[in-house]
Amino acid sequence: MICTKCRSPHSEVVNTRSTRGGSQIWRRRRCANCGKVSTTYERQDLSFIQVVSGAQQPIHTSYRRSFLFSSILKSVPEDQLSLIDIDNLIDTIEFKLLDRGEEIIKTEAIKQIVLETLKPIDMNVFMNYLAAHLDFRTKSDINAAIKPY
């Protein structure tokens, strides 16, 4: 890490803790040159997970946290959840993705995990996400989509 004070590339880790249920590592670092202490947060890179979308001609893309964040943010009514709440929610979703132990996952499976995670937290966000990401033609389609959750 580069020191924010003297720009030295040399630092030592003086304290480390697991945070956010193990999804992040908190580190306290001390610059070897000037002694300034700073804090960093490290999160695992999940880009090794390939997301498959489309049935006819599947498209493979690397998992991106930002894509999931924006899709959930669009479903949140104004002032319903804070950005920190959404970030924590995504930590939970990513933990569930990792727990599956799969390097290739379909977008449908990600949607299911998001919906399962959202429902007990906020029903309005759950319904908005459901409406935005599933195709409904009739009222029975809505009921069938809600039933598994």
N, C-alpha and C. Protein backbone atom coordinates (compact mmCIF):
# COMPACT_ATOMS: atom_id res chain seq x y z
N MET A 1 0.84 -1.18 0.00
CA MET A 1 0.00 0.00 0.00
C MET A 1 0.89 1.24 0.00
N ILE A 2 0.45 2.24 -0.71
CA ILE A 2 1.18 3.50 -0.76
C ILE A 2 0.66 4.41 0.35
N CYS A 3 1.56 4.99 1.11
CA CYS A 3 1.21 5.88 2.21
C CYS A 3 0.53 7.13 1.65
N THR A 4 -0.57 7.52 2.26
CA THR A 4 -1.30 8.71 1.82
C THR A 4 -0.60 10.01 2.22
N LYS A 5 0.33 9.93 3.16
CA LYS A 5 1.04 11.12 3.62
C LYS A 5 2.34 11.35 2.85
N CYS A 6 3.23 10.34 2.86
CA CYS A 6 4.55 10.52 2.24
C CYS A 6 4.71 9.79 0.90
N ARG A 7 3.70 9.01 0.51
CA ARG A 7 3.67 8.26 -0.76
C ARG A 7 4.68 7.11 -0.82
N SER A 8 5.20 6.70 0.33
CA SER A 8 6.12 5.57 0.38
C SER A 8 5.36 4.28 0.10
N PRO A 9 5.94 3.37 -0.67
CA PRO A 9 5.27 2.10 -0.95
C PRO A 9 5.48 1.03 0.12
N HIS A 10 6.16 1.39 1.21
CA HIS A 10 6.50 0.41 2.24
C HIS A 10 5.66 0.62 3.49
N SER A 11 4.90 -0.41 3.84
CA SER A 11 4.10 -0.37 5.07
C SER A 11 4.09 -1.75 5.71
N GLU A 12 3.72 -1.78 6.98
CA GLU A 12 3.61 -3.06 7.67
C GLU A 12 2.21 -3.16 8.25
N VAL A 13 1.68 -4.36 8.26
CA VAL A 13 0.37 -4.62 8.84
C VAL A 13 0.56 -4.80 10.34
N VAL A 14 -0.16 -3.98 11.13
CA VAL A 14 -0.01 -4.07 12.59
C VAL A 14 -1.22 -4.73 13.25
N ASN A 15 -2.34 -4.83 12.53
CA ASN A 15 -3.53 -5.48 13.08
C ASN A 15 -4.42 -5.91 11.93
N THR A 16 -5.04 -7.08 12.06
CA THR A 16 -5.94 -7.61 11.03
C THR A 16 -7.16 -8.23 11.71
N ARG A 17 -8.33 -7.97 11.11
CA ARG A 17 -9.57 -8.57 11.61
C ARG A 17 -10.49 -8.91 10.45
N SER A 18 -11.27 -9.93 10.66
CA SER A 18 -12.32 -10.27 9.70
C SER A 18 -13.55 -9.43 10.05
N THR A 19 -14.18 -8.85 9.03
CA THR A 19 -15.37 -8.03 9.27
C THR A 19 -16.49 -8.44 8.33
N ARG A 20 -17.66 -7.89 8.59
CA ARG A 20 -18.84 -8.15 7.76
C ARG A 20 -19.08 -9.65 7.55
N GLY A 21 -19.02 -10.38 8.62
CA GLY A 21 -19.29 -11.81 8.55
C GLY A 21 -18.25 -12.58 7.77
N GLY A 22 -17.05 -12.05 7.68
CA GLY A 22 -15.98 -12.73 6.97
C GLY A 22 -15.85 -12.32 5.52
N SER A 23 -16.69 -11.41 5.04
CA SER A 23 -16.62 -11.02 3.63
C SER A 23 -15.55 -9.97 3.37
N GLN A 24 -15.04 -9.35 4.42
CA GLN A 24 -13.99 -8.35 4.27
C GLN A 24 -12.90 -8.58 5.31
N ILE A 25 -11.72 -8.08 4.99
CA ILE A 25 -10.61 -8.09 5.94
C ILE A 25 -10.27 -6.64 6.24
N TRP A 26 -10.27 -6.31 7.51
CA TRP A 26 -9.89 -4.98 7.99
C TRP A 26 -8.44 -5.05 8.39
N ARG A 27 -7.61 -4.11 7.91
CA ARG A 27 -6.19 -4.10 8.27
C ARG A 27 -5.77 -2.70 8.72
N ARG A 28 -5.01 -2.66 9.78
CA ARG A 28 -4.39 -1.43 10.24
C ARG A 28 -2.95 -1.50 9.77
N ARG A 29 -2.50 -0.47 9.04
CA ARG A 29 -1.16 -0.45 8.46
C ARG A 29 -0.37 0.75 8.98
N ARG A 30 0.92 0.57 9.12
CA ARG A 30 1.80 1.66 9.54
C ARG A 30 2.87 1.83 8.47
N CYS A 31 3.03 3.08 8.02
CA CYS A 31 4.06 3.40 7.02
C CYS A 31 5.44 3.20 7.64
N ALA A 32 6.29 2.48 6.93
CA ALA A 32 7.65 2.22 7.41
C ALA A 32 8.51 3.47 7.33
N ASN A 33 8.12 4.45 6.51
CA ASN A 33 8.90 5.66 6.31
C ASN A 33 8.53 6.76 7.31
N CYS A 34 7.24 7.14 7.38
CA CYS A 34 6.83 8.27 8.23
C CYS A 34 6.04 7.85 9.47
N GLY A 35 5.59 6.61 9.54
CA GLY A 35 4.88 6.13 10.72
C GLY A 35 3.38 6.37 10.72
N LYS A 36 2.84 7.00 9.66
CA LYS A 36 1.40 7.25 9.60
C LYS A 36 0.64 5.92 9.62
N VAL A 37 -0.43 5.88 10.39
CA VAL A 37 -1.26 4.69 10.50
C VAL A 37 -2.51 4.90 9.65
N SER A 38 -2.87 3.90 8.87
CA SER A 38 -4.08 3.97 8.05
C SER A 38 -4.81 2.63 8.10
N THR A 39 -6.04 2.66 7.64
CA THR A 39 -6.89 1.47 7.65
C THR A 39 -7.28 1.12 6.23
N THR A 40 -7.25 -0.17 5.91
CA THR A 40 -7.71 -0.63 4.60
C THR A 40 -8.75 -1.73 4.81
N TYR A 41 -9.61 -1.87 3.82
CA TYR A 41 -10.61 -2.94 3.80
C TYR A 41 -10.39 -3.72 2.52
N GLU A 42 -10.28 -5.02 2.65
CA GLU A 42 -10.06 -5.87 1.49
C GLU A 42 -11.26 -6.78 1.30
N ARG A 43 -11.68 -6.91 0.05
CA ARG A 43 -12.81 -7.76 -0.29
C ARG A 43 -12.36 -8.71 -1.39
N GLN A 44 -12.84 -9.93 -1.35
CA GLN A 44 -12.46 -10.92 -2.34
C GLN A 44 -12.98 -10.52 -3.72
N ASP A 45 -12.16 -10.73 -4.73
CA ASP A 45 -12.55 -10.47 -6.11
C ASP A 45 -13.30 -11.70 -6.63
N LEU A 46 -14.55 -11.50 -7.01
CA LEU A 46 -15.36 -12.62 -7.47
C LEU A 46 -15.46 -12.70 -9.00
N SER A 47 -14.56 -12.01 -9.68
CA SER A 47 -14.63 -12.01 -11.14
C SER A 47 -14.34 -13.39 -11.75
N PHE A 48 -13.87 -14.33 -10.94
CA PHE A 48 -13.66 -15.69 -11.44
C PHE A 48 -15.00 -16.39 -11.70
N ILE A 49 -16.07 -15.88 -11.11
CA ILE A 49 -17.41 -16.45 -11.34
C ILE A 49 -17.91 -15.96 -12.69
N GLN A 50 -18.29 -16.90 -13.53
CA GLN A 50 -18.84 -16.58 -14.84
C GLN A 50 -20.36 -16.61 -14.76
N VAL A 51 -20.98 -15.51 -15.19
CA VAL A 51 -22.44 -15.39 -15.17
C VAL A 51 -22.93 -15.69 -16.58
N VAL A 52 -23.88 -16.62 -16.67
CA VAL A 52 -24.42 -17.04 -17.96
C VAL A 52 -25.84 -16.50 -18.10
N SER A 53 -26.06 -15.75 -19.18
CA SER A 53 -27.41 -15.25 -19.45
C SER A 53 -27.82 -15.66 -20.85
N GLY A 54 -29.11 -15.81 -21.05
CA GLY A 54 -29.63 -16.21 -22.35
C GLY A 54 -29.70 -17.71 -22.49
N ALA A 55 -30.75 -18.17 -23.15
CA ALA A 55 -30.95 -19.61 -23.31
C ALA A 55 -30.50 -20.08 -24.69
N GLN A 56 -30.86 -19.34 -25.74
CA GLN A 56 -30.54 -19.76 -27.10
C GLN A 56 -29.03 -19.72 -27.36
N GLN A 57 -28.45 -18.55 -27.19
CA GLN A 57 -27.01 -18.39 -27.36
C GLN A 57 -26.46 -17.78 -26.07
N PRO A 58 -26.08 -18.62 -25.12
CA PRO A 58 -25.64 -18.12 -23.82
C PRO A 58 -24.47 -17.16 -23.92
N ILE A 59 -24.53 -16.12 -23.11
CA ILE A 59 -23.46 -15.13 -23.03
C ILE A 59 -22.80 -15.28 -21.67
N HIS A 60 -21.48 -15.44 -21.67
CA HIS A 60 -20.71 -15.55 -20.43
C HIS A 60 -20.04 -14.22 -20.15
N THR A 61 -20.24 -13.70 -18.93
CA THR A 61 -19.54 -12.50 -18.49
C THR A 61 -19.03 -12.74 -17.07
N SER A 62 -18.02 -12.00 -16.69
CA SER A 62 -17.50 -12.10 -15.33
C SER A 62 -18.46 -11.42 -14.37
N TYR A 63 -18.60 -12.00 -13.17
CA TYR A 63 -19.44 -11.41 -12.14
C TYR A 63 -18.92 -10.02 -11.81
N ARG A 64 -19.85 -9.06 -11.66
CA ARG A 64 -19.49 -7.70 -11.26
C ARG A 64 -20.41 -7.27 -10.14
N ARG A 65 -19.83 -6.94 -9.01
CA ARG A 65 -20.59 -6.46 -7.86
C ARG A 65 -21.38 -5.20 -8.21
N SER A 66 -20.79 -4.33 -8.99
CA SER A 66 -21.44 -3.07 -9.34
C SER A 66 -22.75 -3.31 -10.11
N PHE A 67 -22.78 -4.34 -10.94
CA PHE A 67 -24.00 -4.65 -11.70
C PHE A 67 -25.12 -5.08 -10.74
N LEU A 68 -24.78 -5.93 -9.80
CA LEU A 68 -25.76 -6.37 -8.81
C LEU A 68 -26.22 -5.19 -7.95
N PHE A 69 -25.28 -4.35 -7.55
CA PHE A 69 -25.60 -3.17 -6.74
C PHE A 69 -26.61 -2.28 -7.46
N SER A 70 -26.35 -1.97 -8.72
CA SER A 70 -27.25 -1.07 -9.45
C SER A 70 -28.62 -1.71 -9.69
N SER A 71 -28.67 -3.02 -9.91
CA SER A 71 -29.98 -3.66 -10.13
C SER A 71 -30.83 -3.65 -8.86
N ILE A 72 -30.18 -3.78 -7.71
CA ILE A 72 -30.93 -3.71 -6.45
C ILE A 72 -31.29 -2.26 -6.14
N LEU A 73 -30.38 -1.35 -6.37
CA LEU A 73 -30.63 0.08 -6.11
C LEU A 73 -31.85 0.58 -6.88
N LYS A 74 -32.02 0.12 -8.11
CA LYS A 74 -33.17 0.51 -8.92
C LYS A 74 -34.49 0.03 -8.32
N SER A 75 -34.43 -1.01 -7.50
CA SER A 75 -35.64 -1.58 -6.90
C SER A 75 -35.98 -0.96 -5.55
N VAL A 76 -35.11 -0.11 -5.05
CA VAL A 76 -35.31 0.47 -3.72
C VAL A 76 -36.04 1.80 -3.82
N PRO A 77 -37.24 1.90 -3.22
CA PRO A 77 -37.91 3.19 -3.19
C PRO A 77 -37.05 4.20 -2.43
N GLU A 78 -37.21 5.47 -2.78
CA GLU A 78 -36.39 6.52 -2.18
C GLU A 78 -36.43 6.45 -0.65
N ASP A 79 -35.26 6.52 -0.04
CA ASP A 79 -35.08 6.50 1.42
C ASP A 79 -35.54 5.21 2.09
N GLN A 80 -35.72 4.13 1.33
CA GLN A 80 -36.15 2.85 1.91
C GLN A 80 -34.98 2.13 2.58
N LEU A 81 -33.86 2.02 1.86
CA LEU A 81 -32.64 1.40 2.38
C LEU A 81 -31.47 2.34 2.08
N SER A 82 -30.53 2.42 3.00
CA SER A 82 -29.34 3.24 2.77
C SER A 82 -28.37 2.49 1.86
N LEU A 83 -27.41 3.21 1.32
CA LEU A 83 -26.39 2.58 0.48
C LEU A 83 -25.59 1.55 1.28
N ILE A 84 -25.39 1.83 2.56
CA ILE A 84 -24.69 0.87 3.42
C ILE A 84 -25.52 -0.40 3.60
N ASP A 85 -26.85 -0.24 3.75
CA ASP A 85 -27.73 -1.40 3.85
C ASP A 85 -27.65 -2.26 2.58
N ILE A 86 -27.64 -1.59 1.43
CA ILE A 86 -27.56 -2.32 0.16
C ILE A 86 -26.21 -3.01 0.04
N ASP A 87 -25.15 -2.34 0.44
CA ASP A 87 -23.81 -2.93 0.41
C ASP A 87 -23.75 -4.17 1.30
N ASN A 88 -24.34 -4.09 2.48
CA ASN A 88 -24.39 -5.24 3.39
C ASN A 88 -25.23 -6.37 2.80
N LEU A 89 -26.32 -6.01 2.15
CA LEU A 89 -27.18 -6.99 1.50
C LEU A 89 -26.40 -7.73 0.41
N ILE A 90 -25.61 -7.01 -0.35
CA ILE A 90 -24.82 -7.63 -1.41
C ILE A 90 -23.73 -8.53 -0.82
N ASP A 91 -23.17 -8.14 0.33
CA ASP A 91 -22.23 -9.02 1.01
C ASP A 91 -22.89 -10.37 1.31
N THR A 92 -24.13 -10.33 1.78
CA THR A 92 -24.87 -11.56 2.09
C THR A 92 -25.11 -12.37 0.83
N ILE A 93 -25.49 -11.71 -0.24
CA ILE A 93 -25.75 -12.39 -1.52
C ILE A 93 -24.47 -13.02 -2.04
N GLU A 94 -23.36 -12.29 -1.98
CA GLU A 94 -22.09 -12.83 -2.45
C GLU A 94 -21.64 -14.02 -1.61
N PHE A 95 -21.88 -13.97 -0.31
CA PHE A 95 -21.56 -15.11 0.54
C PHE A 95 -22.34 -16.34 0.07
N LYS A 96 -23.61 -16.15 -0.25
CA LYS A 96 -24.44 -17.26 -0.74
C LYS A 96 -23.94 -17.76 -2.10
N LEU A 97 -23.49 -16.85 -2.95
CA LEU A 97 -22.93 -17.25 -4.25
C LEU A 97 -21.68 -18.11 -4.05
N LEU A 98 -20.80 -17.66 -3.17
CA LEU A 98 -19.57 -18.42 -2.88
C LEU A 98 -19.89 -19.76 -2.25
N ASP A 99 -20.91 -19.78 -1.40
CA ASP A 99 -21.30 -21.00 -0.71
C ASP A 99 -21.76 -22.08 -1.69
N ARG A 100 -22.26 -21.68 -2.84
CA ARG A 100 -22.68 -22.64 -3.87
C ARG A 100 -21.49 -23.41 -4.43
N GLY A 101 -20.31 -22.81 -4.40
CA GLY A 101 -19.11 -23.48 -4.88
C GLY A 101 -19.06 -23.64 -6.39
N GLU A 102 -19.77 -22.79 -7.12
CA GLU A 102 -19.81 -22.89 -8.58
C GLU A 102 -19.04 -21.73 -9.21
N GLU A 103 -18.31 -22.03 -10.26
CA GLU A 103 -17.60 -20.97 -10.98
C GLU A 103 -18.42 -20.46 -12.15
N ILE A 104 -19.48 -21.17 -12.50
CA ILE A 104 -20.39 -20.74 -13.56
C ILE A 104 -21.79 -20.75 -12.96
N ILE A 105 -22.49 -19.62 -13.08
CA ILE A 105 -23.82 -19.51 -12.50
C ILE A 105 -24.74 -18.75 -13.46
N LYS A 106 -25.96 -19.20 -13.57
CA LYS A 106 -26.93 -18.55 -14.45
C LYS A 106 -27.53 -17.32 -13.77
N THR A 107 -27.90 -16.35 -14.59
CA THR A 107 -28.52 -15.13 -14.04
C THR A 107 -29.78 -15.47 -13.26
N GLU A 108 -30.49 -16.49 -13.70
CA GLU A 108 -31.71 -16.89 -12.99
C GLU A 108 -31.41 -17.31 -11.56
N ALA A 109 -30.31 -18.01 -11.37
CA ALA A 109 -29.92 -18.45 -10.02
C ALA A 109 -29.57 -17.24 -9.15
N ILE A 110 -28.91 -16.25 -9.74
CA ILE A 110 -28.58 -15.04 -8.99
C ILE A 110 -29.86 -14.31 -8.59
N LYS A 111 -30.82 -14.22 -9.51
CA LYS A 111 -32.11 -13.58 -9.20
C LYS A 111 -32.80 -14.29 -8.05
N GLN A 112 -32.76 -15.62 -8.05
CA GLN A 112 -33.39 -16.39 -6.98
C GLN A 112 -32.74 -16.09 -5.64
N ILE A 113 -31.41 -16.03 -5.62
CA ILE A 113 -30.69 -15.73 -4.38
C ILE A 113 -31.04 -14.33 -3.90
N VAL A 114 -31.09 -13.38 -4.82
CA VAL A 114 -31.43 -12.00 -4.44
C VAL A 114 -32.84 -11.96 -3.85
N LEU A 115 -33.78 -12.61 -4.50
CA LEU A 115 -35.17 -12.60 -4.01
C LEU A 115 -35.29 -13.27 -2.64
N GLU A 116 -34.62 -14.40 -2.47
CA GLU A 116 -34.64 -15.10 -1.18
C GLU A 116 -34.04 -14.23 -0.07
N THR A 117 -33.05 -13.44 -0.43
CA THR A 117 -32.38 -12.58 0.55
C THR A 117 -33.22 -11.33 0.84
N LEU A 118 -33.86 -10.79 -0.18
CA LEU A 118 -34.64 -9.55 -0.02
C LEU A 118 -35.94 -9.73 0.76
N LYS A 119 -36.63 -10.83 0.54
CA LYS A 119 -37.97 -10.98 1.10
C LYS A 119 -38.04 -10.77 2.61
N PRO A 120 -37.19 -11.40 3.41
CA PRO A 120 -37.31 -11.18 4.85
C PRO A 120 -36.82 -9.79 5.30
N ILE A 121 -36.10 -9.09 4.42
CA ILE A 121 -35.54 -7.79 4.80
C ILE A 121 -36.51 -6.66 4.50
N ASP A 122 -37.07 -6.64 3.28
CA ASP A 122 -37.96 -5.55 2.90
C ASP A 122 -38.89 -6.01 1.78
N MET A 123 -40.17 -6.12 2.08
CA MET A 123 -41.13 -6.63 1.12
C MET A 123 -41.32 -5.68 -0.07
N ASN A 124 -41.24 -4.37 0.13
CA ASN A 124 -41.38 -3.43 -0.98
C ASN A 124 -40.24 -3.59 -1.98
N VAL A 125 -39.03 -3.70 -1.49
CA VAL A 125 -37.88 -3.88 -2.37
C VAL A 125 -37.98 -5.23 -3.07
N PHE A 126 -38.39 -6.26 -2.33
CA PHE A 126 -38.59 -7.59 -2.89
C PHE A 126 -39.56 -7.54 -4.08
N MET A 127 -40.70 -6.89 -3.88
CA MET A 127 -41.72 -6.82 -4.94
C MET A 127 -41.23 -6.00 -6.13
N ASN A 128 -40.52 -4.91 -5.87
CA ASN A 128 -39.99 -4.09 -6.96
C ASN A 128 -38.95 -4.87 -7.77
N TYR A 129 -38.08 -5.60 -7.08
CA TYR A 129 -37.06 -6.40 -7.76
C TYR A 129 -37.74 -7.51 -8.57
N LEU A 130 -38.72 -8.14 -7.98
CA LEU A 130 -39.46 -9.21 -8.65
C LEU A 130 -40.12 -8.69 -9.93
N ALA A 131 -40.77 -7.55 -9.82
CA ALA A 131 -41.45 -6.97 -10.98
C ALA A 131 -40.45 -6.56 -12.07
N ALA A 132 -39.30 -6.08 -11.68
CA ALA A 132 -38.31 -5.61 -12.66
C ALA A 132 -37.56 -6.74 -13.35
N HIS A 133 -37.48 -7.91 -12.70
CA HIS A 133 -36.63 -8.97 -13.23
C HIS A 133 -37.34 -10.23 -13.69
N LEU A 134 -38.63 -10.29 -13.53
CA LEU A 134 -39.36 -11.45 -14.01
C LEU A 134 -40.45 -11.01 -14.97
N ASP A 135 -40.81 -11.88 -15.88
CA ASP A 135 -41.79 -11.55 -16.91
C ASP A 135 -43.18 -12.00 -16.46
N PHE A 136 -44.08 -11.04 -16.33
CA PHE A 136 -45.45 -11.33 -15.92
C PHE A 136 -46.42 -10.98 -17.04
N ARG A 137 -47.35 -11.88 -17.28
CA ARG A 137 -48.37 -11.61 -18.28
C ARG A 137 -49.76 -11.59 -17.64
N THR A 138 -49.94 -12.37 -16.57
CA THR A 138 -51.24 -12.44 -15.90
C THR A 138 -51.04 -12.37 -14.39
N LYS A 139 -52.16 -12.23 -13.69
CA LYS A 139 -52.11 -12.20 -12.23
C LYS A 139 -51.62 -13.54 -11.67
N SER A 140 -51.98 -14.63 -12.33
CA SER A 140 -51.53 -15.95 -11.86
C SER A 140 -50.01 -16.09 -12.03
N ASP A 141 -49.42 -15.41 -13.04
CA ASP A 141 -47.96 -15.40 -13.18
C ASP A 141 -47.31 -14.76 -11.96
N ILE A 142 -47.90 -13.68 -11.47
CA ILE A 142 -47.39 -12.99 -10.27
C ILE A 142 -47.48 -13.90 -9.06
N ASN A 143 -48.64 -14.52 -8.88
CA ASN A 143 -48.83 -15.42 -7.74
C ASN A 143 -47.87 -16.60 -7.80
N ALA A 144 -47.65 -17.13 -8.98
CA ALA A 144 -46.73 -18.27 -9.12
C ALA A 144 -45.28 -17.84 -8.82
N ALA A 145 -44.93 -16.61 -9.18
CA ALA A 145 -43.58 -16.12 -8.91
C ALA A 145 -43.34 -15.87 -7.43
N ILE A 146 -44.36 -15.42 -6.72
CA ILE A 146 -44.22 -15.10 -5.31
C ILE A 146 -44.24 -16.36 -4.44
N LYS A 147 -44.99 -17.37 -4.85
CA LYS A 147 -45.22 -18.56 -4.05
C LYS A 147 -43.95 -19.22 -3.48
N PRO A 148 -42.87 -19.41 -4.27
CA PRO A 148 -41.69 -20.09 -3.70
C PRO A 148 -41.00 -19.35 -2.58
N TYR A 149 -41.28 -18.07 -2.44
CA TYR A 149 -40.57 -17.28 -1.42
C TYR A 149 -41.41 -17.10 -0.20
